[in-house]
C-alpha atoms as a PDB file:
ATOM      1  CA  UNK A   1     165.693 -22.259 -14.718  1.00  0.00           C
ATOM      2  CA  UNK A   2     168.899 -21.533 -16.327  1.00  0.00           C
ATOM      3  CA  UNK A   3     170.550 -23.645 -19.049  1.00  0.00           C
ATOM      4  CA  UNK A   4     169.991 -27.486 -17.988  1.00  0.00           C
ATOM      5  CA  UNK A   5     171.197 -30.700 -19.568  1.00  0.00           C
ATOM      6  CA  UNK A   6     167.909 -32.794 -20.272  1.00  0.00           C
ATOM      7  CA  UNK A   7     168.180 -36.306 -21.511  1.00  0.00           C
ATOM      8  CA  UNK A   8     165.085 -36.970 -23.742  1.00  0.00           C
ATOM      9  CA  UNK A   9     163.911 -40.940 -24.126  1.00  0.00           C
ATOM     10  CA  UNK A  10     162.230 -41.337 -27.498  1.00  0.00           C
ATOM     11  CA  UNK A  11     162.955 -37.618 -28.435  1.00  0.00           C
ATOM     12  CA  UNK A  12     163.161 -38.804 -32.055  1.00  0.00           C
ATOM     13  CA  UNK A  13     159.422 -39.613 -31.762  1.00  0.00           C
ATOM     14  CA  UNK A  14     156.239 -37.470 -32.541  1.00  0.00           C
ATOM     15  CA  UNK A  15     155.766 -35.967 -28.941  1.00  0.00           C
ATOM     16  CA  UNK A  16     159.129 -35.972 -27.764  1.00  0.00           C
ATOM     17  CA  UNK A  17     160.679 -34.342 -30.731  1.00  0.00           C
ATOM     18  CA  UNK A  18     158.303 -31.061 -30.494  1.00  0.00           C
ATOM     19  CA  UNK A  19     159.457 -31.147 -27.024  1.00  0.00           C
ATOM     20  CA  UNK A  20     163.165 -31.133 -28.148  1.00  0.00           C
ATOM     21  CA  UNK A  21     162.563 -28.402 -30.171  1.00  0.00           C
ATOM     22  CA  UNK A  22     161.397 -26.579 -27.563  1.00  0.00           C
ATOM     23  CA  UNK A  23     164.007 -27.130 -25.112  1.00  0.00           C
ATOM     24  CA  UNK A  24     166.353 -26.309 -27.650  1.00  0.00           C
ATOM     25  CA  UNK A  25     164.475 -23.150 -28.357  1.00  0.00           C
ATOM     26  CA  UNK A  26     164.811 -22.331 -24.776  1.00  0.00           C
ATOM     27  CA  UNK A  27     168.645 -22.859 -24.666  1.00  0.00           C
ATOM     28  CA  UNK A  28     168.781 -25.983 -22.802  1.00  0.00           C
ATOM     29  CA  UNK A  29     171.609 -28.774 -23.556  1.00  0.00           C
ATOM     30  CA  UNK A  30     169.721 -31.677 -24.788  1.00  0.00           C
ATOM     31  CA  UNK A  31     170.657 -35.234 -25.226  1.00  0.00           C
ATOM     32  CA  UNK A  32     168.336 -37.767 -27.248  1.00  0.00           C
ATOM     33  CA  UNK A  33     168.312 -41.381 -26.366  1.00  0.00           C
ATOM     34  CA  UNK A  34     166.233 -43.266 -29.145  1.00  0.00           C
ATOM     35  CA  UNK A  35     166.387 -46.494 -30.722  1.00  0.00           C
ATOM     36  CA  UNK A  36     164.788 -45.178 -34.031  1.00  0.00           C
ATOM     37  CA  UNK A  37     162.239 -47.794 -34.280  1.00  0.00           C
ATOM     38  CA  UNK A  38     159.483 -45.643 -34.744  1.00  0.00           C
ATOM     39  CA  UNK A  39     161.453 -42.065 -34.593  1.00  0.00           C
ATOM     40  CA  UNK A  40     163.189 -40.295 -37.250  1.00  0.00           C
ATOM     41  CA  UNK A  41     166.457 -38.805 -36.863  1.00  0.00           C
ATOM     42  CA  UNK A  42     165.664 -35.848 -38.883  1.00  0.00           C
ATOM     43  CA  UNK A  43     163.044 -35.308 -36.332  1.00  0.00           C
ATOM     44  CA  UNK A  44     165.919 -34.128 -33.638  1.00  0.00           C
ATOM     45  CA  UNK A  45     166.360 -30.749 -34.566  1.00  0.00           C
ATOM     46  CA  UNK A  46     168.727 -30.048 -31.415  1.00  0.00           C
ATOM     47  CA  UNK A  47     171.128 -31.398 -29.198  1.00  0.00           C
ATOM     48  CA  UNK A  48     172.754 -34.809 -29.683  1.00  0.00           C
ATOM     49  CA  UNK A  49     171.701 -38.187 -30.712  1.00  0.00           C
ATOM     50  CA  UNK A  50     172.448 -41.152 -29.318  1.00  0.00           C
ATOM     51  CA  UNK A  51     170.856 -44.627 -30.833  1.00  0.00           C
ATOM     52  CA  UNK A  52     170.046 -46.931 -28.138  1.00  0.00           C
ATOM     53  CA  UNK A  53     167.630 -49.254 -26.568  1.00  0.00           C
ATOM     54  CA  UNK A  54     166.685 -48.803 -22.792  1.00  0.00           C
ATOM     55  CA  UNK A  55     167.412 -52.283 -22.342  1.00  0.00           C
ATOM     56  CA  UNK A  56     171.031 -51.614 -23.331  1.00  0.00           C
ATOM     57  CA  UNK A  57     172.129 -51.048 -19.919  1.00  0.00           C
ATOM     58  CA  UNK A  58     175.799 -50.534 -21.214  1.00  0.00           C
ATOM     59  CA  UNK A  59     174.929 -47.374 -23.702  1.00  0.00           C
ATOM     60  CA  UNK A  60     172.312 -46.270 -20.900  1.00  0.00           C
ATOM     61  CA  UNK A  61     175.029 -46.478 -18.295  1.00  0.00           C
ATOM     62  CA  UNK A  62     177.746 -44.387 -20.488  1.00  0.00           C
ATOM     63  CA  UNK A  63     175.142 -41.444 -21.296  1.00  0.00           C
ATOM     64  CA  UNK A  64     174.719 -40.872 -17.394  1.00  0.00           C
ATOM     65  CA  UNK A  65     178.292 -41.463 -16.448  1.00  0.00           C
ATOM     66  CA  UNK A  66     179.525 -38.801 -19.207  1.00  0.00           C
ATOM     67  CA  UNK A  67     177.154 -36.172 -18.287  1.00  0.00           C
ATOM     68  CA  UNK A  68     175.979 -34.159 -15.822  1.00  0.00           C
ATOM     69  CA  UNK A  69     172.314 -34.640 -16.707  1.00  0.00           C
ATOM     70  CA  UNK A  70     169.951 -32.228 -14.643  1.00  0.00           C
ATOM     71  CA  UNK A  71     166.575 -34.047 -15.686  1.00  0.00           C
ATOM     72  CA  UNK A  72     165.281 -36.958 -17.810  1.00  0.00           C
ATOM     73  CA  UNK A  73     162.122 -36.717 -20.101  1.00  0.00           C
ATOM     74  CA  UNK A  74     160.876 -40.016 -20.699  1.00  0.00           C
ATOM     75  CA  UNK A  75     158.877 -40.589 -23.794  1.00  0.00           C
ATOM     76  CA  UNK A  76     160.154 -43.900 -25.219  1.00  0.00           C
ATOM     77  CA  UNK A  77     157.498 -46.773 -25.230  1.00  0.00           C
ATOM     78  CA  UNK A  78     154.766 -48.502 -27.314  1.00  0.00           C
ATOM     79  CA  UNK A  79     151.497 -46.950 -27.782  1.00  0.00           C
ATOM     80  CA  UNK A  80     149.120 -48.917 -29.988  1.00  0.00           C
ATOM     81  CA  UNK A  81     146.176 -50.054 -27.775  1.00  0.00           C
ATOM     82  CA  UNK A  82     145.091 -53.148 -30.175  1.00  0.00           C
ATOM     83  CA  UNK A  83     148.682 -54.262 -30.367  1.00  0.00           C
ATOM     84  CA  UNK A  84     149.213 -54.182 -26.401  1.00  0.00           C
ATOM     85  CA  UNK A  85     146.100 -56.656 -26.307  1.00  0.00           C
ATOM     86  CA  UNK A  86     147.716 -58.976 -28.594  1.00  0.00           C
ATOM     87  CA  UNK A  87     151.411 -58.452 -27.372  1.00  0.00           C
ATOM     88  CA  UNK A  88     151.110 -57.617 -23.706  1.00  0.00           C
ATOM     89  CA  UNK A  89     154.394 -58.747 -23.023  1.00  0.00           C
ATOM     90  CA  UNK A  90     156.016 -56.311 -25.481  1.00  0.00           C
ATOM     91  CA  UNK A  91     154.322 -53.483 -23.581  1.00  0.00           C
ATOM     92  CA  UNK A  92     155.531 -54.650 -20.018  1.00  0.00           C
ATOM     93  CA  UNK A  93     158.843 -54.585 -21.564  1.00  0.00           C
ATOM     94  CA  UNK A  94     158.842 -51.474 -23.467  1.00  0.00           C
ATOM     95  CA  UNK A  95     156.444 -49.218 -20.986  1.00  0.00           C
ATOM     96  CA  UNK A  96     157.305 -50.763 -17.808  1.00  0.00           C
ATOM     97  CA  UNK A  97     160.423 -52.927 -17.409  1.00  0.00           C
ATOM     98  CA  UNK A  98     162.428 -50.269 -19.616  1.00  0.00           C
ATOM     99  CA  UNK A  99     161.346 -47.595 -17.402  1.00  0.00           C
ATOM    100  CA  UNK A 100     162.480 -49.236 -14.377  1.00  0.00           C
ATOM    101  CA  UNK A 101     165.847 -49.274 -16.124  1.00  0.00           C
ATOM    102  CA  UNK A 102     165.812 -45.675 -16.466  1.00  0.00           C
ATOM    103  CA  UNK A 103     164.655 -44.946 -12.992  1.00  0.00           C
ATOM    104  CA  UNK A 104     167.449 -47.063 -11.468  1.00  0.00           C
ATOM    105  CA  UNK A 105     169.658 -45.187 -13.591  1.00  0.00           C
ATOM    106  CA  UNK A 106     168.585 -41.840 -12.285  1.00  0.00           C
ATOM    107  CA  UNK A 107     168.573 -43.078  -8.762  1.00  0.00           C
ATOM    108  CA  UNK A 108     172.457 -44.082  -9.184  1.00  0.00           C
ATOM    109  CA  UNK A 109     173.695 -40.986 -10.602  1.00  0.00           C
ATOM    110  CA  UNK A 110     171.486 -38.794  -8.495  1.00  0.00           C
ATOM    111  CA  UNK A 111     169.414 -37.348 -11.088  1.00  0.00           C
ATOM    112  CA  UNK A 112     166.714 -35.726  -9.327  1.00  0.00           C
ATOM    113  CA  UNK A 113     163.865 -34.755 -12.137  1.00  0.00           C
ATOM    114  CA  UNK A 114     161.965 -36.800 -13.878  1.00  0.00           C
ATOM    115  CA  UNK A 115     158.912 -36.450 -16.236  1.00  0.00           C
ATOM    116  CA  UNK A 116     156.897 -39.135 -17.426  1.00  0.00           C
ATOM    117  CA  UNK A 117     154.846 -39.748 -20.637  1.00  0.00           C
ATOM    118  CA  UNK A 118     151.766 -41.217 -19.125  1.00  0.00           C
ATOM    119  CA  UNK A 119     148.357 -41.493 -20.681  1.00  0.00           C
ATOM    120  CA  UNK A 120     144.410 -41.136 -20.101  1.00  0.00           C
ATOM    121  CA  UNK A 121     144.345 -44.639 -20.688  1.00  0.00           C
ATOM    122  CA  UNK A 122     145.141 -45.581 -16.988  1.00  0.00           C
ATOM    123  CA  UNK A 123     141.387 -44.361 -16.369  1.00  0.00           C
ATOM    124  CA  UNK A 124     139.821 -46.987 -18.370  1.00  0.00           C
ATOM    125  CA  UNK A 125     136.115 -46.756 -18.768  1.00  0.00           C
ATOM    126  CA  UNK A 126     134.334 -43.582 -17.216  1.00  0.00           C
ATOM    127  CA  UNK A 127     130.938 -43.434 -15.891  1.00  0.00           C
ATOM    128  CA  UNK A 128     131.129 -39.464 -16.566  1.00  0.00           C
ATOM    129  CA  UNK A 129     133.506 -39.411 -19.574  1.00  0.00           C
ATOM    130  CA  UNK A 130     135.453 -36.756 -17.731  1.00  0.00           C
ATOM    131  CA  UNK A 131     138.565 -37.337 -15.761  1.00  0.00           C
ATOM    132  CA  UNK A 132     140.261 -35.591 -12.916  1.00  0.00           C
ATOM    133  CA  UNK A 133     143.771 -36.568 -11.468  1.00  0.00           C
ATOM    134  CA  UNK A 134     142.051 -38.112  -8.676  1.00  0.00           C
ATOM    135  CA  UNK A 135     139.663 -40.268 -10.766  1.00  0.00           C
ATOM    136  CA  UNK A 136     139.747 -43.916 -10.225  1.00  0.00           C
ATOM    137  CA  UNK A 137     142.210 -45.850 -12.183  1.00  0.00           C
ATOM    138  CA  UNK A 138     141.108 -48.912 -13.929  1.00  0.00           C
ATOM    139  CA  UNK A 139     142.855 -49.677 -17.083  1.00  0.00           C
ATOM    140  CA  UNK A 140     141.230 -52.116 -19.639  1.00  0.00           C
ATOM    141  CA  UNK A 141     144.242 -53.000 -21.611  1.00  0.00           C
ATOM    142  CA  UNK A 142     148.105 -53.459 -21.258  1.00  0.00           C
ATOM    143  CA  UNK A 143     149.010 -50.058 -22.583  1.00  0.00           C
ATOM    144  CA  UNK A 144     147.358 -48.384 -19.828  1.00  0.00           C
ATOM    145  CA  UNK A 145     148.277 -51.002 -17.322  1.00  0.00           C
ATOM    146  CA  UNK A 146     151.753 -50.649 -18.008  1.00  0.00           C
ATOM    147  CA  UNK A 147     151.910 -46.944 -17.959  1.00  0.00           C
ATOM    148  CA  UNK A 148     150.076 -47.030 -14.674  1.00  0.00           C
ATOM    149  CA  UNK A 149     152.529 -49.569 -13.052  1.00  0.00           C
ATOM    150  CA  UNK A 150     155.628 -47.049 -14.076  1.00  0.00           C
ATOM    151  CA  UNK A 151     153.243 -44.364 -12.182  1.00  0.00           C
ATOM    152  CA  UNK A 152     153.392 -46.503  -9.232  1.00  0.00           C
ATOM    153  CA  UNK A 153     157.041 -47.164  -9.725  1.00  0.00           C
ATOM    154  CA  UNK A 154     157.822 -43.184  -9.754  1.00  0.00           C
ATOM    155  CA  UNK A 155     155.725 -42.638  -6.864  1.00  0.00           C
ATOM    156  CA  UNK A 156     157.403 -45.246  -4.498  1.00  0.00           C
ATOM    157  CA  UNK A 157     160.652 -44.395  -5.708  1.00  0.00           C
ATOM    158  CA  UNK A 158     160.229 -40.612  -4.682  1.00  0.00           C
ATOM    159  CA  UNK A 159     159.119 -41.774  -1.338  1.00  0.00           C
ATOM    160  CA  UNK A 160     162.121 -44.007  -0.847  1.00  0.00           C
ATOM    161  CA  UNK A 161     164.567 -41.365  -2.351  1.00  0.00           C
ATOM    162  CA  UNK A 162     163.509 -38.082  -1.309  1.00  0.00           C
ATOM    163  CA  UNK A 163     165.879 -36.163  -3.564  1.00  0.00           C
ATOM    164  CA  UNK A 164     163.902 -37.791  -6.718  1.00  0.00           C
ATOM    165  CA  UNK A 165     161.111 -36.031  -7.694  1.00  0.00           C
ATOM    166  CA  UNK A 166     158.890 -36.549 -10.929  1.00  0.00           C
ATOM    167  CA  UNK A 167     155.745 -34.956 -12.845  1.00  0.00           C
ATOM    168  CA  UNK A 168     153.501 -37.913 -14.741  1.00  0.00           C
ATOM    169  CA  UNK A 169     151.706 -35.909 -17.702  1.00  0.00           C
ATOM    170  CA  UNK A 170     148.438 -37.845 -18.635  1.00  0.00           C
ATOM    171  CA  UNK A 171     148.001 -37.343 -21.992  1.00  0.00           C
ATOM    172  CA  UNK A 172     144.283 -37.101 -23.902  1.00  0.00           C
ATOM    173  CA  UNK A 173     144.243 -37.349 -27.823  1.00  0.00           C
ATOM    174  CA  UNK A 174     147.371 -35.600 -28.827  1.00  0.00           C
ATOM    175  CA  UNK A 175     147.169 -34.077 -32.738  1.00  0.00           C
ATOM    176  CA  UNK A 176     148.570 -31.491 -35.184  1.00  0.00           C
ATOM    177  CA  UNK A 177     151.960 -30.672 -36.023  1.00  0.00           C
ATOM    178  CA  UNK A 178     154.631 -27.814 -35.386  1.00  0.00           C
ATOM    179  CA  UNK A 179     153.220 -24.788 -36.855  1.00  0.00           C
ATOM    180  CA  UNK A 180     156.540 -23.790 -38.601  1.00  0.00           C
ATOM    181  CA  UNK A 181     156.335 -27.540 -40.251  1.00  0.00           C
ATOM    182  CA  UNK A 182     159.691 -28.746 -39.095  1.00  0.00           C
ATOM    183  CA  UNK A 183     158.353 -31.525 -37.425  1.00  0.00           C
ATOM    184  CA  UNK A 184     155.369 -33.541 -37.041  1.00  0.00           C
ATOM    185  CA  UNK A 185     153.875 -37.299 -36.540  1.00  0.00           C
ATOM    186  CA  UNK A 186     155.226 -39.627 -38.621  1.00  0.00           C
ATOM    187  CA  UNK A 187     154.361 -42.759 -36.726  1.00  0.00           C
ATOM    188  CA  UNK A 188     154.066 -45.810 -39.074  1.00  0.00           C
ATOM    189  CA  UNK A 189     150.704 -46.818 -39.170  1.00  0.00           C
ATOM    190  CA  UNK A 190     149.133 -44.430 -37.025  1.00  0.00           C
ATOM    191  CA  UNK A 191     145.713 -44.902 -35.468  1.00  0.00           C
ATOM    192  CA  UNK A 192     145.087 -41.332 -34.953  1.00  0.00           C
ATOM    193  CA  UNK A 193     141.787 -40.166 -35.869  1.00  0.00           C
ATOM    194  CA  UNK A 194     142.914 -36.544 -37.175  1.00  0.00           C
ATOM    195  CA  UNK A 195     146.166 -37.955 -38.515  1.00  0.00           C
ATOM    196  CA  UNK A 196     144.052 -40.773 -40.347  1.00  0.00           C
ATOM    197  CA  UNK A 197     141.728 -38.344 -41.844  1.00  0.00           C
ATOM    198  CA  UNK A 198     144.557 -35.819 -42.795  1.00  0.00           C
ATOM    199  CA  UNK A 199     146.267 -38.667 -44.401  1.00  0.00           C
ATOM    200  CA  UNK A 200     143.158 -39.261 -46.663  1.00  0.00           C
ATOM    201  CA  UNK A 201     142.658 -35.588 -47.291  1.00  0.00           C
ATOM    202  CA  UNK A 202     146.072 -35.393 -48.644  1.00  0.00           C
ATOM    203  CA  UNK A 203     144.966 -38.577 -50.876  1.00  0.00           C
ATOM    204  CA  UNK A 204     147.317 -41.257 -48.884  1.00  0.00           C
ATOM    205  CA  UNK A 205     144.206 -43.070 -47.998  1.00  0.00           C
ATOM    206  CA  UNK A 206     141.227 -44.125 -49.893  1.00  0.00           C
ATOM    207  CA  UNK A 207     138.831 -44.145 -47.258  1.00  0.00           C
ATOM    208  CA  UNK A 208     138.513 -43.511 -43.595  1.00  0.00           C
ATOM    209  CA  UNK A 209     136.082 -45.230 -40.893  1.00  0.00           C
ATOM    210  CA  UNK A 210     133.892 -44.503 -37.845  1.00  0.00           C
ATOM    211  CA  UNK A 211     134.094 -47.089 -35.415  1.00  0.00           C
ATOM    212  CA  UNK A 212     130.585 -47.148 -33.679  1.00  0.00           C
ATOM    213  CA  UNK A 213     127.559 -44.969 -34.234  1.00  0.00           C
ATOM    214  CA  UNK A 214     125.710 -46.163 -31.017  1.00  0.00           C
ATOM    215  CA  UNK A 215     127.314 -44.651 -28.306  1.00  0.00           C
ATOM    216  CA  UNK A 216     125.143 -42.530 -25.848  1.00  0.00           C
ATOM    217  CA  UNK A 217     126.539 -39.486 -27.233  1.00  0.00           C
ATOM    218  CA  UNK A 218     125.033 -36.714 -29.205  1.00  0.00           C
ATOM    219  CA  UNK A 219     125.616 -38.193 -32.235  1.00  0.00           C
ATOM    220  CA  UNK A 220     126.252 -41.404 -31.351  1.00  0.00           C
ATOM    221  CA  UNK A 221     129.979 -41.505 -32.130  1.00  0.00           C
ATOM    222  CA  UNK A 222     132.849 -41.234 -29.308  1.00  0.00           C
ATOM    223  CA  UNK A 223     133.922 -38.267 -27.885  1.00  0.00           C
ATOM    224  CA  UNK A 224     137.406 -37.133 -27.469  1.00  0.00           C
ATOM    225  CA  UNK A 225     139.497 -34.449 -25.796  1.00  0.00           C
ATOM    226  CA  UNK A 226     142.215 -33.420 -28.678  1.00  0.00           C
ATOM    227  CA  UNK A 227     145.156 -31.526 -27.460  1.00  0.00           C
ATOM    228  CA  UNK A 228     147.682 -29.656 -29.912  1.00  0.00           C
ATOM    229  CA  UNK A 229     151.042 -31.232 -29.613  1.00  0.00           C
ATOM    230  CA  UNK A 230     152.735 -27.706 -29.052  1.00  0.00           C
ATOM    231  CA  UNK A 231     150.805 -26.899 -26.205  1.00  0.00           C
ATOM    232  CA  UNK A 232     151.477 -30.595 -24.830  1.00  0.00           C
ATOM    233  CA  UNK A 233     155.384 -29.973 -25.399  1.00  0.00           C
ATOM    234  CA  UNK A 234     154.815 -26.725 -23.502  1.00  0.00           C
ATOM    235  CA  UNK A 235     153.325 -28.210 -20.567  1.00  0.00           C
ATOM    236  CA  UNK A 236     156.642 -30.208 -20.349  1.00  0.00           C
ATOM    237  CA  UNK A 237     158.509 -27.271 -20.238  1.00  0.00           C
ATOM    238  CA  UNK A 238     156.203 -25.926 -17.686  1.00  0.00           C
ATOM    239  CA  UNK A 239     156.523 -29.285 -15.786  1.00  0.00           C
ATOM    240  CA  UNK A 240     160.417 -28.893 -15.676  1.00  0.00           C
ATOM    241  CA  UNK A 241     160.626 -25.564 -14.182  1.00  0.00           C
ATOM    242  CA  UNK A 242     157.980 -26.663 -11.661  1.00  0.00           C
ATOM    243  CA  UNK A 243     159.925 -29.485 -10.550  1.00  0.00           C
ATOM    244  CA  UNK A 244     163.422 -27.600 -10.318  1.00  0.00           C
ATOM    245  CA  UNK A 245     161.747 -24.792  -8.331  1.00  0.00           C
ATOM    246  CA  UNK A 246     159.466 -27.043  -6.012  1.00  0.00           C
ATOM    247  CA  UNK A 247     161.255 -30.130  -5.664  1.00  0.00           C
ATOM    248  CA  UNK A 248     158.034 -31.969  -5.294  1.00  0.00           C
ATOM    249  CA  UNK A 249     156.215 -34.898  -7.175  1.00  0.00           C
ATOM    250  CA  UNK A 250     153.047 -34.323  -9.082  1.00  0.00           C
ATOM    251  CA  UNK A 251     150.442 -35.537 -11.734  1.00  0.00           C
ATOM    252  CA  UNK A 252     148.522 -33.774 -14.034  1.00  0.00           C
ATOM    253  CA  UNK A 253     146.127 -34.445 -16.845  1.00  0.00           C
ATOM    254  CA  UNK A 254     146.883 -32.612 -20.229  1.00  0.00           C
ATOM    255  CA  UNK A 255     143.842 -31.925 -22.428  1.00  0.00           C
ATOM    256  CA  UNK A 256     141.484 -28.952 -22.942  1.00  0.00           C
ATOM    257  CA  UNK A 257     138.631 -29.981 -20.836  1.00  0.00           C
ATOM    258  CA  UNK A 258     136.369 -30.452 -23.970  1.00  0.00           C
ATOM    259  CA  UNK A 259     135.579 -32.559 -26.393  1.00  0.00           C
ATOM    260  CA  UNK A 260     134.575 -33.302 -30.178  1.00  0.00           C
ATOM    261  CA  UNK A 261     132.842 -36.318 -31.480  1.00  0.00           C
ATOM    262  CA  UNK A 262     134.274 -38.323 -34.164  1.00  0.00           C
ATOM    263  CA  UNK A 263     132.016 -37.390 -36.750  1.00  0.00           C
ATOM    264  CA  UNK A 264     132.294 -33.678 -35.749  1.00  0.00           C
ATOM    265  CA  UNK A 265     136.469 -34.427 -36.491  1.00  0.00           C
ATOM    266  CA  UNK A 266     135.617 -35.884 -39.831  1.00  0.00           C
ATOM    267  CA  UNK A 267     133.475 -33.284 -40.783  1.00  0.00           C
ATOM    268  CA  UNK A 268     135.870 -30.487 -39.768  1.00  0.00           C
ATOM    269  CA  UNK A 269     138.851 -32.555 -41.112  1.00  0.00           C
ATOM    270  CA  UNK A 270     136.684 -32.255 -44.959  1.00  0.00           C
ATOM    271  CA  UNK A 271     135.910 -28.555 -44.018  1.00  0.00           C
ATOM    272  CA  UNK A 272     139.121 -27.482 -43.338  1.00  0.00           C
ATOM    273  CA  UNK A 273     141.084 -29.302 -46.261  1.00  0.00           C
ATOM    274  CA  UNK A 274     138.645 -29.006 -48.757  1.00  0.00           C
ATOM    275  CA  UNK A 275     138.854 -32.702 -49.548  1.00  0.00           C
ATOM    276  CA  UNK A 276     136.183 -35.173 -49.960  1.00  0.00           C
ATOM    277  CA  UNK A 277     136.802 -38.893 -49.207  1.00  0.00           C
ATOM    278  CA  UNK A 278     134.622 -41.825 -48.404  1.00  0.00           C
ATOM    279  CA  UNK A 279     133.864 -42.278 -44.646  1.00  0.00           C
ATOM    280  CA  UNK A 280     132.545 -45.750 -43.825  1.00  0.00           C
ATOM    281  CA  UNK A 281     130.627 -46.573 -40.798  1.00  0.00           C
ATOM    282  CA  UNK A 282     131.961 -49.769 -38.565  1.00  0.00           C
ATOM    283  CA  UNK A 283     131.138 -51.620 -35.676  1.00  0.00           C
ATOM    284  CA  UNK A 284     132.623 -50.208 -32.256  1.00  0.00           C
ATOM    285  CA  UNK A 285     136.372 -51.384 -31.495  1.00  0.00           C
ATOM    286  CA  UNK A 286     136.737 -53.133 -28.249  1.00  0.00           C
ATOM    287  CA  UNK A 287     137.138 -51.212 -25.224  1.00  0.00           C
ATOM    288  CA  UNK A 288     136.407 -47.922 -26.739  1.00  0.00           C
ATOM    289  CA  UNK A 289     134.629 -45.566 -24.150  1.00  0.00           C
ATOM    290  CA  UNK A 290     131.927 -43.420 -25.216  1.00  0.00           C
ATOM    291  CA  UNK A 291     133.698 -40.384 -23.812  1.00  0.00           C
ATOM    292  CA  UNK A 292     136.910 -39.502 -22.781  1.00  0.00           C
ATOM    293  CA  UNK A 293     137.607 -35.734 -21.703  1.00  0.00           C
ATOM    294  CA  UNK A 294     139.941 -34.321 -19.194  1.00  0.00           C
ATOM    295  CA  UNK A 295     139.230 -32.187 -16.325  1.00  0.00           C
ATOM    296  CA  UNK A 296     142.456 -30.269 -16.573  1.00  0.00           C
ATOM    297  CA  UNK A 297     142.205 -27.067 -14.409  1.00  0.00           C
ATOM    298  CA  UNK A 298     144.636 -28.780 -11.894  1.00  0.00           C
ATOM    299  CA  UNK A 299     147.909 -28.122 -14.578  1.00  0.00           C
ATOM    300  CA  UNK A 300     146.706 -24.744 -14.840  1.00  0.00           C
ATOM    301  CA  UNK A 301     146.605 -23.613 -11.319  1.00  0.00           C
ATOM    302  CA  UNK A 302     149.693 -25.433 -10.225  1.00  0.00           C
ATOM    303  CA  UNK A 303     152.259 -24.776 -13.011  1.00  0.00           C
ATOM    304  CA  UNK A 304     150.361 -21.848 -14.707  1.00  0.00           C
ATOM    305  CA  UNK A 305     150.426 -23.991 -18.179  1.00  0.00           C
ATOM    306  CA  UNK A 306     148.430 -21.653 -20.484  1.00  0.00           C
ATOM    307  CA  UNK A 307     147.517 -23.666 -23.867  1.00  0.00           C
ATOM    308  CA  UNK A 308     147.606 -21.219 -27.200  1.00  0.00           C
ATOM    309  CA  UNK A 309     146.248 -23.567 -29.732  1.00  0.00           C
ATOM    310  CA  UNK A 310     142.880 -24.709 -28.242  1.00  0.00           C
ATOM    311  CA  UNK A 311     141.160 -24.712 -31.885  1.00  0.00           C
ATOM    312  CA  UNK A 312     139.960 -28.050 -33.557  1.00  0.00           C
ATOM    313  CA  UNK A 313     140.432 -25.988 -37.160  1.00  0.00           C
ATOM    314  CA  UNK A 314     143.856 -24.989 -36.225  1.00  0.00           C
ATOM    315  CA  UNK A 315     144.763 -28.542 -34.857  1.00  0.00           C
ATOM    316  CA  UNK A 316     143.575 -29.870 -38.085  1.00  0.00           C
ATOM    317  CA  UNK A 317     145.224 -27.215 -40.512  1.00  0.00           C
ATOM    318  CA  UNK A 318     148.493 -28.076 -39.068  1.00  0.00           C
ATOM    319  CA  UNK A 319     148.204 -31.762 -39.323  1.00  0.00           C
ATOM    320  CA  UNK A 320     147.242 -31.562 -42.829  1.00  0.00           C
ATOM    321  CA  UNK A 321     149.843 -29.046 -43.847  1.00  0.00           C
ATOM    322  CA  UNK A 322     152.544 -31.557 -42.392  1.00  0.00           C
ATOM    323  CA  UNK A 323     150.988 -34.430 -44.109  1.00  0.00           C
ATOM    324  CA  UNK A 324     151.178 -32.747 -47.624  1.00  0.00           C
ATOM    325  CA  UNK A 325     154.370 -31.130 -46.862  1.00  0.00           C
ATOM    326  CA  UNK A 326     157.691 -32.306 -48.499  1.00  0.00           C
ATOM    327  CA  UNK A 327     159.432 -32.910 -45.084  1.00  0.00           C
ATOM    328  CA  UNK A 328     157.614 -35.814 -44.200  1.00  0.00           C
ATOM    329  CA  UNK A 329     157.780 -37.649 -47.646  1.00  0.00           C
ATOM    330  CA  UNK A 330     161.814 -37.057 -47.338  1.00  0.00           C
ATOM    331  CA  UNK A 331     161.719 -38.662 -43.838  1.00  0.00           C
ATOM    332  CA  UNK A 332     159.820 -41.726 -45.058  1.00  0.00           C
ATOM    333  CA  UNK A 333     161.937 -42.100 -48.246  1.00  0.00           C
ATOM    334  CA  UNK A 334     165.143 -41.916 -46.015  1.00  0.00           C
ATOM    335  CA  UNK A 335     163.697 -44.566 -43.221  1.00  0.00           C
END
């Protein structure tokens, strides 16, 4: 693929920063575009950081005009499902309208390669609990809807502009941290199960909750597909190489193809960390499906993605080490 100049929006955030690390280590020239609303300057381990909003067309235009950008990786967006229900316009602005601004800029400046951070939330409630890329898309909240709208926008743009190609990666439950401990999840008020329980194990929360114990699953709690953030980051680099070689658009699920229940995850966190903290059972949250697991054969067959960290104990270990490490606390002090 050779060294490329890659613009990474949201590259100071959780997933974006792990991708930036891999891009930098692979020798690419990285430009991170982030408004730092939830990201951290210190998370940007390679390249140049440009502080700006995707609504700020003047700053965005200057980045495209002053650099020969070979590809864009688009992570910037809002990701909290309950908030999307309470404040849908924020999500349609951040996740759809701002994506439109970015795609317009790519077309204007002849940037042909685009990787989009999408989500399994585009599928909604699954009858079987498992989704292939062809499974019907019926999002049940503005978060999933806003991401699906961007996917449709990319598809239509790629048809109208034959040089513009994209890969949309639909993430399942992303967890864990860089095994070297340089970066990890620092999103304020995170709701991710593994992070929340690792915070409790590290003494940062008094207790955690299991929302719903009456699902039609083996132990009554929800089942999810957890993917280590470094495997997901590698999927982005593999997708980028695929785009440069094949000049064709694709959509891929990113997950391991098997799930763990909420209770299994909580028990694993306690086992891995040796911590014991109170866990309360609470009613189901609105819109939580019983099971959400990927069928992720396509990404392996098509672009040769090979996950390295398909191990719940390892995911938890890296998340916990990050949670109690000095790097995270230093980031939060500076914020």
